[in-house]
Protein backbone atom coordinates (compact mmCIF):
# COMPACT_ATOMS: atom_id res chain seq x y z
CA MET A 1 -35.18 84.75 223.98
CA PHE A 2 -32.49 84.26 221.38
CA GLN A 3 -33.08 80.53 221.10
CA LYS A 4 -36.67 81.38 220.16
CA CYS A 5 -35.68 83.93 217.52
CA LYS A 6 -38.01 84.53 214.64
CA PHE A 7 -36.17 84.49 211.33
CA MET A 8 -36.20 87.84 209.56
CA ASP A 9 -34.99 88.58 206.04
CA CYS A 10 -32.35 85.77 206.18
CA THR A 11 -29.75 88.09 207.72
CA GLN A 12 -31.60 89.50 210.77
CA HIS A 13 -32.98 87.79 213.85
CA ALA A 14 -35.42 89.50 216.21
CA SER A 15 -35.84 88.46 219.84
CA SER A 16 -36.70 89.52 223.34
CA ARG A 17 -33.81 90.35 225.62
CA PRO A 18 -31.81 87.34 226.84
CA SER A 19 -30.50 86.82 230.34
CA ARG A 20 -27.17 85.52 231.59
CA ASP A 21 -28.86 82.40 232.95
CA LEU A 22 -30.40 81.58 229.57
CA VAL A 23 -27.18 82.38 227.71
CA ASP A 24 -25.36 79.77 229.82
CA ARG A 25 -28.15 77.19 230.03
CA PHE A 26 -28.90 77.04 226.31
CA ALA A 27 -25.36 77.77 225.03
CA ILE A 28 -26.73 80.70 223.05
CA ILE A 29 -23.27 81.91 222.05
CA ASP A 30 -22.53 78.52 220.48
CA GLN A 31 -25.85 78.72 218.66
CA PHE A 32 -24.91 82.16 217.38
CA GLN A 33 -21.66 80.89 215.96
CA LYS A 34 -23.36 77.93 214.28
CA MET A 35 -25.88 80.30 212.68
CA ASN A 36 -23.14 82.78 211.70
CA ILE A 37 -24.64 85.55 213.83
CA CYS A 38 -21.73 87.95 214.23
CA SER A 39 -23.35 91.01 215.82
CA ILE A 40 -25.89 91.91 218.52
CA PHE A 41 -27.87 95.13 218.40
CA ASN A 42 -29.29 96.09 221.78
CA MET A 43 -32.00 98.78 221.60
CA GLN A 44 -32.35 99.06 225.39
CA THR A 45 -31.05 101.74 227.73
CA PRO A 46 -28.83 100.60 230.63
CA GLY A 47 -30.92 99.81 233.71
CA GLU A 48 -34.15 99.51 231.76
CA HIS A 49 -36.78 97.17 233.31
CA SER A 50 -34.46 96.33 236.18
CA SER A 51 -37.18 94.48 238.11
CA CYS A 52 -38.35 92.34 235.21
CA GLY A 53 -37.39 88.66 234.94
CA TYR A 54 -33.86 88.02 236.13
CA GLY A 55 -33.24 91.73 236.55
CA VAL A 56 -30.14 93.50 235.29
CA LEU A 57 -26.45 92.99 235.99
CA SER A 58 -23.63 95.44 236.62
CA SER A 59 -23.49 96.08 232.87
CA GLY A 60 -26.99 97.59 233.09
CA PHE A 61 -28.43 94.79 230.95
CA SER A 62 -29.80 91.33 231.66
CA TYR A 63 -26.65 89.74 230.23
CA GLU A 64 -22.98 90.56 230.01
CA PRO A 65 -22.05 91.90 226.54
CA SER A 66 -18.43 90.95 227.26
CA GLN A 67 -19.43 87.26 227.11
CA PHE A 68 -20.29 87.69 223.45
CA MET A 69 -17.39 89.98 222.62
CA GLN A 70 -14.91 87.48 224.05
CA ARG A 71 -16.22 85.01 221.45
CA ASN A 72 -15.75 87.53 218.61
CA ILE A 73 -19.41 88.56 218.44
CA PHE A 74 -19.76 92.32 218.08
CA PHE A 75 -22.02 94.21 220.47
CA TYR A 76 -23.76 97.49 219.58
CA ASN A 77 -25.89 99.43 222.03
CA PHE A 78 -28.26 101.89 220.36
CA SER A 79 -30.18 103.11 223.40
CA TRP A 80 -33.67 103.96 222.23
CA PHE A 81 -35.61 106.34 224.41
CA VAL A 82 -38.04 109.19 223.97
CA MET A 83 -38.09 112.18 226.32
CA ILE A 84 -41.58 113.29 227.25
CA SER A 85 -41.98 116.71 228.84
CA SER A 86 -44.97 117.72 230.90
CA LEU A 87 -45.56 120.95 232.78
CA ASN A 88 -43.09 120.34 235.60
CA THR A 89 -41.56 116.95 234.95
CA LYS A 90 -39.48 115.15 232.39
CA MET A 91 -39.56 111.42 231.94
CA PHE A 92 -38.00 108.94 229.56
CA ARG A 93 -40.08 106.27 227.91
CA CYS A 94 -38.47 103.41 226.03
CA ASP A 95 -41.32 101.07 225.14
CA TYR A 96 -43.91 101.97 222.51
CA GLY A 97 -42.14 105.20 221.59
CA VAL A 98 -40.30 106.35 218.49
CA ALA A 99 -36.77 107.64 218.11
CA SER A 100 -35.55 110.47 215.90
CA LEU A 101 -35.20 109.78 212.19
CA SER A 102 -31.47 110.56 212.26
CA PHE A 103 -31.05 108.00 215.07
CA ILE A 104 -32.86 105.37 213.00
CA LEU A 105 -30.70 106.18 209.97
CA ASP A 106 -27.49 105.83 211.99
CA THR A 107 -28.70 102.48 213.31
CA VAL A 108 -29.65 100.94 209.96
CA VAL A 109 -26.37 102.12 208.38
CA VAL A 110 -24.42 100.25 211.07
CA ILE A 111 -26.67 97.20 210.61
CA GLN A 112 -25.95 97.26 206.89
CA PHE A 113 -22.22 97.41 207.61
CA SER A 114 -22.44 94.56 210.15
CA ILE A 115 -24.29 92.30 207.72
CA LEU A 116 -21.19 92.34 205.51
CA LYS A 117 -19.53 90.22 208.22
CA GLY A 118 -22.49 87.93 209.00
CA LYS A 119 -26.02 87.80 210.36
CA VAL A 120 -27.20 90.12 213.12
CA ALA A 121 -29.47 89.68 216.14
CA ILE A 122 -31.63 92.62 217.22
CA HIS A 123 -33.49 92.91 220.51
CA CYS A 124 -35.15 95.44 222.78
CA HIS A 125 -37.20 94.25 225.77
CA ALA A 126 -39.90 92.09 224.23
CA GLY A 127 -38.43 92.22 220.72
CA LEU A 128 -41.60 93.60 219.16
CA GLY A 129 -41.88 97.40 219.17
CA ARG A 130 -38.45 98.98 218.80
CA THR A 131 -36.99 95.85 217.21
CA GLY A 132 -39.80 95.66 214.67
CA VAL A 133 -39.43 99.34 213.78
CA ILE A 134 -35.68 99.05 213.23
CA ILE A 135 -36.00 95.95 211.05
CA ALA A 136 -38.78 97.55 208.98
CA CYS A 137 -36.71 100.72 208.55
CA TYR A 138 -33.71 98.63 207.54
CA LEU A 139 -35.79 96.95 204.82
CA VAL A 140 -36.92 100.38 203.59
CA PHE A 141 -33.30 101.58 203.63
CA ASN A 142 -31.51 98.55 202.19
CA ASN A 143 -34.13 96.84 200.01
CA ARG A 144 -35.87 100.07 198.94
CA ILE A 145 -39.32 98.64 199.53
CA SER A 146 -42.17 100.86 200.67
CA ALA A 147 -42.94 101.44 204.33
CA GLY A 148 -46.24 99.58 203.98
CA GLU A 149 -44.55 96.52 202.48
CA ALA A 150 -41.91 96.53 205.21
CA ILE A 151 -44.53 96.70 207.99
CA ARG A 152 -46.58 93.87 206.50
CA TYR A 153 -43.50 91.71 206.03
CA VAL A 154 -42.19 92.21 209.59
CA ARG A 155 -45.60 91.54 211.12
CA PHE A 156 -46.03 88.43 208.98
CA ARG A 157 -42.68 87.00 210.09
CA ARG A 158 -43.03 88.11 213.74
CA PRO A 159 -46.67 88.69 214.73
CA GLY A 160 -47.25 91.53 217.14
CA SER A 161 -44.33 93.60 215.90
CA ILE A 162 -44.57 97.40 215.53
CA GLN A 163 -47.01 97.96 218.35
CA THR A 164 -48.29 101.53 218.16
CA GLN A 165 -49.63 103.92 215.58
CA ASN A 166 -46.73 106.27 216.29
CA GLN A 167 -44.29 103.50 215.42
CA VAL A 168 -46.14 102.82 212.18
CA GLU A 169 -46.06 106.52 211.29
CA SER A 170 -42.34 106.72 212.09
CA ILE A 171 -41.60 104.11 209.42
CA TYR A 172 -43.55 106.10 206.82
CA GLN A 173 -41.73 109.26 207.92
CA PHE A 174 -38.40 107.47 207.61
CA GLU A 175 -39.25 106.51 204.03
CA LYS A 176 -39.86 110.19 203.19
CA PHE A 177 -36.77 111.19 205.14
CA LEU A 178 -34.60 108.92 202.97
CA HIS A 179 -35.88 110.45 199.75
CA LEU A 180 -33.72 113.57 200.08
CA TYR A 181 -30.64 111.50 200.90
CA ARG A 182 -31.03 109.45 197.74
CA ILE A 183 -31.28 112.34 195.30
CA ASN A 184 -28.13 112.60 193.20
CA PHE A 185 -29.66 114.82 190.53
CA GLY A 186 -32.36 117.23 191.67
CA SER A 187 -34.89 118.23 189.04
CA HIS A 188 -36.11 121.22 191.04
CA GLU A 189 -34.45 121.52 194.42
CA GLN A 190 -30.82 122.61 194.40
CA PHE A 191 -28.36 121.58 197.08
CA SER A 192 -24.88 122.71 198.03
CA LEU A 193 -21.77 120.55 197.94
CA SER A 194 -21.59 120.43 201.74
CA THR A 195 -25.25 119.40 202.01
CA TYR A 196 -24.81 116.63 199.45
CA LEU A 197 -21.68 115.30 201.16
CA GLN A 198 -23.44 115.34 204.52
CA ARG A 199 -26.27 113.24 203.07
CA GLN A 200 -23.88 110.95 201.22
CA ASN A 201 -21.78 110.29 204.32
CA ALA A 202 -24.90 109.51 206.32
CA LEU A 203 -25.61 106.61 203.94
CA PHE A 204 -22.05 105.31 203.53
CA HIS A 205 -20.00 103.26 205.95
CA GLY A 206 -16.61 101.62 206.26
CA SER A 207 -13.88 102.20 203.71
CA GLU A 208 -16.29 103.77 201.21
CA ARG A 209 -17.18 106.48 203.70
CA ARG A 210 -13.52 107.14 204.48
CA LYS A 211 -12.53 107.26 200.84
CA LEU A 212 -15.39 109.45 199.62
CA ARG A 213 -15.93 111.59 202.69
CA ASN A 214 -14.98 114.75 200.79
CA ILE A 215 -15.76 113.69 197.20
CA PRO A 216 -19.21 113.19 195.61
CA LYS A 217 -19.40 109.58 194.48
CA ILE A 218 -21.11 110.46 191.21
CA VAL A 219 -18.22 112.74 190.16
CA TYR A 220 -15.62 110.26 191.40
CA MET A 221 -17.11 107.34 189.44
CA CYS A 222 -17.50 109.37 186.24
CA CYS A 223 -13.84 110.41 186.42
CA LYS A 224 -12.82 106.84 187.14
CA LEU A 225 -14.70 105.51 184.12
CA LEU A 226 -13.21 108.24 181.93
CA VAL A 227 -9.73 107.07 182.90
CA ARG A 228 -10.73 103.47 182.23
CA TYR A 229 -11.94 104.47 178.77
CA ALA A 230 -8.74 106.42 178.11
CA LYS A 231 -6.64 103.35 178.88
CA THR A 232 -8.79 100.58 177.40
CA GLY A 233 -11.24 102.20 174.98
CA CYS A 234 -14.22 100.98 177.04
CA THR A 235 -15.79 101.90 180.37
CA SER A 236 -17.23 98.49 181.23
CA ILE A 237 -15.42 95.65 182.93
CA GLN A 238 -16.42 91.99 183.08
CA THR A 239 -17.75 90.86 186.45
CA ASN A 240 -15.82 87.58 186.21
CA SER A 241 -12.54 89.41 185.72
CA PRO A 242 -10.10 89.12 188.62
CA ASP A 243 -9.75 92.90 188.48
CA PHE A 244 -13.44 93.52 188.98
CA ARG A 245 -14.30 95.06 192.32
CA SER A 246 -17.79 96.00 193.33
CA VAL A 247 -18.21 99.75 193.40
CA THR A 248 -20.56 99.43 196.33
CA ARG A 249 -17.58 98.48 198.46
CA THR A 250 -14.26 100.16 197.82
CA SER A 251 -10.88 98.93 198.95
CA GLU A 252 -10.94 97.30 202.38
CA VAL A 253 -7.47 98.68 203.16
CA CYS A 254 -7.79 101.58 205.57
CA PRO A 255 -5.99 104.71 204.35
CA THR A 256 -3.08 105.95 206.38
CA PRO A 257 -2.83 109.53 207.57
CA SER A 258 -0.30 110.15 204.81
CA THR A 259 -2.72 109.48 201.96
CA ILE A 260 -4.92 112.11 200.35
CA CYS A 261 -8.49 111.72 199.19
CA THR A 262 -7.23 110.98 195.67
CA ASN A 263 -4.52 108.53 196.71
CA ASN A 264 -4.38 105.53 194.34
CA LEU A 265 -7.20 107.10 192.36
CA PHE A 266 -8.07 104.95 189.35
CA GLU A 267 -5.65 102.34 190.72
CA GLU A 268 -7.74 99.46 189.42
CA GLU A 269 -7.31 100.77 185.89
CA ASN A 270 -3.55 100.99 186.35
CA GLU A 271 -3.43 97.44 187.66
CA SER A 272 -5.69 95.87 185.08
CA VAL A 273 -4.25 97.57 182.02
CA ASN A 274 -0.75 97.36 180.62
CA THR A 275 0.19 101.00 180.30
CA ASN A 276 3.63 100.56 178.81
CA THR A 277 3.91 103.22 176.14
CA ASN A 278 5.60 103.03 172.80
CA CYS A 279 7.50 106.00 171.45
CA THR A 280 7.45 107.47 167.97
CA TYR A 281 9.64 110.12 166.45
CA GLU A 282 7.98 113.23 165.12
CA ASN A 283 9.87 115.80 163.09
CA ASN A 284 9.59 119.42 164.08
CA THR A 285 10.88 122.43 162.20
CA ASN A 286 13.34 123.18 165.01
CA HIS A 287 14.15 119.85 166.65
CA VAL A 288 13.07 116.23 167.04
CA ASN A 289 10.66 115.37 169.86
CA ILE A 290 10.12 111.90 171.25
CA ILE A 291 6.39 111.70 171.91
CA PRO A 292 4.96 108.59 173.57
CA LYS A 293 1.84 107.22 171.96
CA SER A 294 -1.32 107.92 173.88
CA PRO A 295 -3.53 105.00 174.94
CA VAL A 296 -6.36 104.19 172.61
CA GLY A 297 -9.09 106.30 174.22
CA VAL A 298 -7.20 109.37 175.43
CA ASN A 299 -8.06 111.59 172.47
CA ILE A 300 -11.73 110.64 172.69
CA VAL A 301 -11.85 111.45 176.39
CA VAL A 302 -10.08 114.78 175.86
CA GLU A 303 -12.49 115.74 173.09
CA ALA A 304 -15.43 114.73 175.30
CA LEU A 305 -14.17 116.87 178.18
CA LEU A 306 -13.84 119.88 175.88
CA THR A 307 -17.30 119.46 174.37
CA THR A 308 -20.05 121.85 175.43
CA GLN A 309 -22.80 121.01 172.92
CA TYR A 310 -24.14 117.47 173.28
CA PRO A 311 -26.08 115.44 170.70
CA GLU A 312 -29.66 114.56 171.55
CA SER A 313 -28.76 110.90 172.00
CA VAL A 314 -26.17 111.83 174.64
CA VAL A 315 -28.64 114.07 176.46
CA ASN A 316 -31.26 111.30 176.48
CA GLU A 317 -28.80 108.72 177.81
CA ALA A 318 -27.63 111.13 180.51
CA GLU A 319 -31.24 111.68 181.58
CA TYR A 320 -31.72 107.91 181.72
CA TRP A 321 -28.79 107.54 184.11
CA LYS A 322 -29.97 110.46 186.23
CA ARG A 323 -33.29 108.70 186.82
CA LYS A 324 -31.48 105.49 187.71
CA PHE A 325 -29.18 107.28 190.16
CA ASN A 326 -32.22 108.67 191.97
CA ASN A 327 -34.33 105.51 192.00
CA ASP A 328 -32.36 102.30 191.36
CA PRO A 329 -30.44 100.73 194.29
CA GLU A 330 -28.35 98.66 191.85
CA VAL A 331 -27.29 101.63 189.75
CA TRP A 332 -23.62 101.62 190.76
CA ASP A 333 -23.09 98.03 189.65
CA ASP A 334 -24.90 98.74 186.37
CA PHE A 335 -22.85 101.90 185.90
CA VAL A 336 -19.63 99.90 185.96
CA LYS A 337 -20.81 96.89 183.96
CA ASN A 338 -22.36 98.72 181.02
CA PRO A 339 -20.33 100.49 178.31
CA ILE A 340 -21.01 104.22 178.49
CA ASN A 341 -20.18 106.93 175.99
CA PRO A 342 -17.53 109.31 177.45
CA LEU A 343 -19.74 112.22 176.37
CA VAL A 344 -22.44 110.89 178.70
CA LEU A 345 -19.98 110.76 181.60
CA VAL A 346 -18.87 114.32 180.91
CA LYS A 347 -22.50 115.46 180.63
CA LEU A 348 -23.25 113.91 184.03
CA ILE A 349 -20.30 115.71 185.61
CA ASN A 350 -21.31 118.97 183.94
CA ASP A 351 -24.94 118.76 185.02
CA TRP A 352 -24.12 117.76 188.60
CA LEU A 353 -21.59 120.54 189.22
CA THR A 354 -23.56 123.28 187.49
CA HIS A 355 -26.77 122.34 189.31
CA LEU A 356 -25.26 123.00 192.74
CA LYS A 357 -26.80 125.86 194.69
CA SER A 358 -23.44 127.63 194.86
CA PRO A 359 -20.13 127.12 193.00
CA VAL A 360 -17.62 124.67 194.41
CA LEU A 361 -14.87 127.26 193.93
CA ARG A 362 -16.03 130.71 194.98
CA VAL A 363 -14.40 133.96 193.90
CA GLN A 364 -14.16 135.25 197.46
CA ASP A 365 -12.27 132.12 198.53
CA LEU A 366 -9.76 132.55 195.73
CA LEU A 367 -9.24 136.23 196.45
CA SER A 368 -8.73 135.58 200.15
CA LEU A 369 -6.26 132.86 199.21
CA GLN A 370 -4.32 135.38 197.15
CA GLN A 371 -4.02 137.63 200.18
CA ASN A 372 -2.50 134.79 202.17
CA PRO A 373 1.26 135.53 202.42
CA LEU A 374 1.98 131.80 202.14
CA PHE A 375 0.42 131.58 198.68
CA GLU A 376 3.43 132.97 196.83
CA GLU A 377 5.89 130.97 198.92
CA ASN A 378 4.11 127.65 199.46
CA ILE A 379 0.91 126.91 197.57
CA LEU A 380 0.57 123.55 199.29
CA GLU A 381 0.30 125.01 202.77
CA SER A 382 -1.89 127.89 201.65
CA LEU A 383 -4.51 125.42 200.37
CA GLU A 384 -5.37 124.65 203.99
CA THR A 385 -7.49 127.79 204.00
CA LEU A 386 -9.86 126.24 201.44
CA GLU A 387 -12.53 123.75 202.46
CA LYS A 388 -11.37 120.14 202.18
CA PRO A 389 -14.04 119.05 199.64
CA VAL A 390 -12.96 121.90 197.33
CA VAL A 391 -9.32 120.83 197.38
CA CYS A 392 -10.31 117.17 197.04
CA LEU A 393 -12.36 117.88 193.92
CA MET A 394 -9.57 119.95 192.39
CA SER A 395 -7.13 117.14 193.19
CA LEU A 396 -9.50 114.62 191.63
CA PHE A 397 -9.62 116.56 188.36
CA ALA A 398 -5.86 117.16 188.48
CA ARG A 399 -5.31 113.42 188.62
CA LEU A 400 -7.81 112.93 185.80
CA ILE A 401 -5.81 115.30 183.58
CA THR A 402 -2.56 113.63 184.61
CA ASN A 403 -3.93 110.23 183.60
CA LEU A 404 -4.58 111.64 180.12
CA GLN A 405 -0.93 112.56 179.55
CA PRO A 406 0.93 113.15 177.32
CA LEU A 407 -0.97 116.25 176.24
CA CYS A 408 0.18 119.30 174.38
CA GLU A 409 0.23 122.36 176.59
CA ILE A 410 -2.65 124.08 174.86
CA LYS A 411 -4.95 121.09 175.39
CA GLU A 412 -3.89 120.78 178.99
CA TYR A 413 -4.70 124.44 179.45
CA GLN A 414 -8.08 123.97 177.77
CA LEU A 415 -8.89 121.09 180.12
CA ILE A 416 -7.96 123.22 183.12
CA GLN A 417 -10.19 126.03 181.88
CA ARG A 418 -13.06 123.62 181.24
CA ILE A 419 -12.82 122.13 184.73
CA LEU A 420 -12.62 125.58 186.33
CA ASN A 421 -15.74 126.58 184.41
CA TRP A 422 -17.49 123.66 186.12
CA LEU A 423 -16.13 124.41 189.57
CA CYS A 424 -16.86 128.14 189.27
CA GLN A 425 -20.16 127.60 187.38
CA ASN A 426 -18.90 129.92 184.66
CA GLN A 427 -20.39 128.36 181.54
CA SER A 428 -20.24 131.53 179.47
CA LYS A 429 -16.51 131.09 178.98
CA ALA A 430 -16.68 127.44 178.01
CA TYR A 431 -15.36 126.42 174.64
CA THR A 432 -14.12 123.47 172.65
CA CYS A 433 -10.76 122.89 171.08
CA HIS A 434 -12.42 122.90 167.67
CA GLN A 435 -12.89 126.66 168.01
CA LEU A 436 -9.14 127.20 167.72
CA SER A 437 -7.35 127.27 164.43
CA SER A 438 -4.02 125.51 164.00
CA SER A 439 -2.22 128.85 163.71
CA THR A 440 -3.78 130.05 166.97
CA ILE A 441 -2.63 126.91 168.77
CA LYS A 442 0.88 127.22 167.32
CA ASN A 443 1.16 130.85 168.42
CA ALA A 444 -0.29 130.14 171.84
CA GLN A 445 2.16 127.31 172.51
CA THR A 446 5.03 129.77 172.27
CA ILE A 447 3.71 132.01 175.04
CA ILE A 448 2.47 129.48 177.60
CA SER A 449 4.76 129.22 180.58
CA THR A 450 4.83 125.76 182.15
CA ASP A 451 6.06 127.13 185.46
CA SER A 452 3.01 126.94 187.75
CA ASN A 453 4.25 129.95 189.72
CA ASN A 454 4.54 132.12 186.60
CA PHE A 455 1.68 130.76 184.53
CA ASN A 456 0.37 133.61 182.40
CA VAL A 457 -1.66 132.76 179.33
CA GLN A 458 -2.52 135.33 176.69
CA LEU A 459 -4.71 133.78 174.04
CA PRO A 460 -6.51 135.61 171.24
CA TYR A 461 -9.88 134.06 172.10
CA HIS A 462 -9.60 134.94 175.80
CA SER A 463 -6.97 137.60 176.28
CA ARG A 464 -7.52 138.46 179.94
CA PHE A 465 -8.41 136.59 183.10
CA ASP A 466 -9.59 138.18 186.29
CA ASP A 467 -7.49 137.68 189.40
CA SER A 468 -9.57 134.83 190.75
CA MET A 469 -9.26 132.80 187.55
CA ARG A 470 -5.50 133.28 187.46
CA ILE A 471 -5.25 131.99 191.03
CA ALA A 472 -7.42 128.97 190.21
CA ILE A 473 -5.27 128.16 187.19
CA ARG A 474 -2.10 128.35 189.27
CA ILE A 475 -3.59 125.96 191.82
CA MET A 476 -4.63 123.46 189.15
CA ARG A 477 -1.21 123.64 187.49
CA PHE A 478 0.43 123.07 190.85
CA LEU A 479 -1.77 120.05 191.63
CA ILE A 480 -1.16 118.54 188.19
CA ASP A 481 2.60 118.92 188.55
CA PHE A 482 2.42 117.53 192.07
CA VAL A 483 0.61 114.29 191.15
CA LYS A 484 2.26 113.83 187.75
CA PRO A 485 5.26 111.78 189.00
CA ASN A 486 2.82 109.25 190.47
CA CYS A 487 0.77 108.72 187.31
CA GLY A 488 3.34 107.15 185.01
CA PRO A 489 3.27 103.60 183.62
CA SER A 490 4.38 102.20 186.96
CA VAL A 491 1.71 100.29 188.85
CA GLU A 492 3.34 100.82 192.25
CA LYS A 493 1.21 102.32 194.99
CA THR A 494 2.03 105.92 195.73
CA ASP A 495 1.31 108.49 198.39
CA SER A 496 -0.02 111.26 196.18
CA LEU A 497 -0.07 114.68 197.80
CA SER A 498 1.12 113.03 201.01
CA SER A 499 2.53 116.23 202.45
CA TYR A 500 -0.74 118.05 201.95
CA SER A 501 -2.82 115.25 203.46
CA SER A 502 -0.58 115.06 206.50
CA SER A 503 -1.08 118.72 207.28
CA THR A 504 -4.81 118.82 206.59
CA ASN A 505 -5.84 115.34 207.72
CA LEU A 506 -8.13 114.81 204.74
CA TYR A 507 -8.81 111.26 205.76
């Protein structure tokens, strides 16, 4: 019974199933509210054990979930059953069985989300087998303790929990199952972008899942810290600052259908930093240009993005963060709090994208896009033929480049080429801006067309692009021009790429 709950892990309460009579007699709902229990997780199937105790009601359970929901207590029914097939019959067994690992993962993710609002109560029939397994798996998932430690802890706090050997084995299997989902940097096994996003989304919930559904969090956070460094000269932010927001929970405001995956990207940097630019006058042989001063770290970030050979210290620090991303549950908070060399951030992006099993941007996709009759008339609509994560990543990098403005055209082109080398896994054509002489840059600036529809670069060090690279460059130029009006010194919220998101429903 709920009034006899055994306290578990300070946020979870395990119990046997309650009945309507006991709910009314002992004012269990009032007790819930006093204890700040905001959610009930019912592991039973409707109609289960209908002849036991007070039986079941029209709801299929021994109590009315609506009683709790009317008092603002959330109700979740994760029906746990195992189908057992014999020669000629099929039967469903609820008690003493084990559910699928994906079912357990879905359950503990929702529990983790519910605990953000308050404590949770979990019950099955007796509150021992299924309830004990779910709580142990939650501890493995959330606290990253071993399966053995979780089993011992649950049994210590609620004796008799986790009743069968199969249930014990399922917790150990769940621990192994989670290992693949937690790998951000694989040392041996390669994974595709779609596989990684599928695993990432299985672990995320709420606004974070909506915001990063099509973007790898590791790439997103590295880009975000690069923008922070460009604006402030440092990647870290004080935890007592009013602008600090935990990276484990992104904005609680739900995105509207008119916002793209990169909407308000790096917004916290724009809000926490005064980006008013000062202008200086620079004489040119032909005319006078008014060039706004770049923020303190822009040049460093640009140089880091164009670097392909990394010092040993940078490589070692990148390896340190890779290990933390795979093993440390607090890594995201540490990643934001600690100052990090921009070269390390770029190295992490480089290693993650180039380690994928297949390129993010494939040649066949670009060539098929070129054959789309809409491509010449409306690039925005033609992008619908690409997979959403591909366009989201390209939009992410387009906004990164836009946040580094003002840039001379040759450097902007170099950044585009560098990013496309990542997305296409074409490292052989990578280069740094130091490889270009001043005369080469001066000559190249005279032949670069800024019109995204007629962009045709002819540079001495790379005189010819294949068709797919030309298409990719046109897309990046288009995305940069599209988001550029929304990345000025103004701090106002914008609907970047709103037309595209409306037609493709990225969120």
